[in-house]
Amino acid sequence: MKLTVYNPQKGRLETLDVAFTTENTTWFKDGGKAGDVLSVTDYNGGLLIKNDDYSYPIWVYDLSRAAIGYSREKAKQIVQEHN
């Protein structure tokens, strides 16, 4: 699936071809509110973080779901650091 993401390392939008599967994506559907982290996906040596809003997902290099402990809160902190 073609997906436009924000790459904070380059400071620009990019289009990626991402396959969201149960093996590479963790979905957070447990009572979050609008704007909370919706999913985290391992992609090409980095981490895609998607919020439950209309913003672009963020692609952060050298991170993984395991590295943040599959945590919604840690993903939220990373998003805040890159905004």
Protein backbone atom coordinates (compact mmCIF):
# COMPACT_ATOMS: atom_id res chain seq x y z
CA MET A 1 0.00 0.00 0.00
CA LYS A 2 1.37 3.42 -0.94
CA LEU A 3 1.56 5.63 2.12
CA THR A 4 2.72 9.23 2.52
CA VAL A 5 4.74 9.62 5.71
CA TYR A 6 6.74 12.36 7.40
CA ASN A 7 10.46 11.62 7.63
CA PRO A 8 11.85 13.85 10.42
CA GLN A 9 15.44 12.84 9.63
CA LYS A 10 15.08 14.47 6.20
CA GLY A 11 12.45 17.02 7.22
CA ARG A 12 10.08 16.12 4.40
CA LEU A 13 7.21 13.93 3.27
CA GLU A 14 7.97 10.68 1.43
CA THR A 15 5.86 8.00 -0.21
CA LEU A 16 6.56 4.45 0.94
CA ASP A 17 5.20 1.10 -0.17
CA VAL A 18 4.23 -0.54 3.13
CA ALA A 19 2.60 -3.90 3.80
CA PHE A 20 0.74 -3.90 7.13
CA THR A 21 0.64 -7.43 8.53
CA THR A 22 0.16 -9.05 11.90
CA GLU A 23 3.89 -9.87 11.88
CA ASN A 24 5.07 -6.26 11.51
CA THR A 25 2.30 -4.12 13.04
CA THR A 26 0.88 -3.59 16.51
CA TRP A 27 -2.59 -1.98 16.58
CA PHE A 28 -3.80 -0.17 19.69
CA LYS A 29 -7.58 -0.44 19.88
CA ASP A 30 -8.00 -0.39 23.63
CA GLY A 31 -9.89 2.78 24.44
CA GLY A 32 -7.56 5.39 22.99
CA LYS A 33 -8.89 8.81 22.12
CA ALA A 34 -8.62 10.81 18.91
CA GLY A 35 -5.01 11.79 18.32
CA ASP A 36 -3.54 8.87 20.27
CA VAL A 37 -1.16 6.42 18.63
CA LEU A 38 -3.19 3.99 16.54
CA SER A 39 -0.42 1.67 15.34
CA VAL A 40 3.32 1.06 15.19
CA THR A 41 4.87 -0.81 12.28
CA ASP A 42 8.38 -2.14 11.74
CA TYR A 43 9.50 -0.90 8.31
CA ASN A 44 12.88 -1.08 6.60
CA GLY A 45 14.98 -0.83 9.78
CA GLY A 46 12.78 1.85 11.30
CA LEU A 47 9.44 2.43 12.93
CA LEU A 48 6.27 3.90 11.42
CA ILE A 49 4.03 5.52 14.01
CA LYS A 50 0.46 6.34 12.99
CA ASN A 51 -1.84 8.49 15.08
CA ASP A 52 -5.63 8.22 15.14
CA ASP A 53 -6.13 11.51 13.31
CA TYR A 54 -5.45 13.09 9.93
CA SER A 55 -1.72 13.69 10.43
CA TYR A 56 0.91 11.86 8.42
CA PRO A 57 2.50 8.81 10.01
CA ILE A 58 6.06 9.40 11.21
CA TRP A 59 8.93 7.18 10.08
CA VAL A 60 11.81 7.10 12.60
CA TYR A 61 15.05 5.33 11.68
CA ASP A 62 16.84 2.76 13.84
CA LEU A 63 13.85 1.88 16.03
CA SER A 64 11.56 -1.12 16.25
CA ARG A 65 8.42 -2.14 18.08
CA ALA A 66 10.53 -4.37 20.31
CA ALA A 67 12.92 -1.50 21.13
CA ILE A 68 10.03 0.56 22.54
CA GLY A 69 8.49 -2.45 24.28
CA TYR A 70 5.42 -2.38 21.99
CA SER A 71 4.31 0.61 24.06
CA ARG A 72 1.74 3.19 22.97
CA GLU A 73 3.13 5.68 25.51
CA LYS A 74 6.71 5.38 24.26
CA ALA A 75 5.49 5.76 20.67
CA LYS A 76 3.58 8.88 21.72
CA GLN A 77 6.75 10.34 23.28
CA ILE A 78 8.67 9.71 20.06
CA VAL A 79 5.98 11.50 18.03
CA GLN A 80 6.14 14.48 20.40
CA GLU A 81 9.95 14.62 20.10
CA HIS A 82 9.72 14.79 16.30
CA ASN A 83 7.00 17.44 16.01
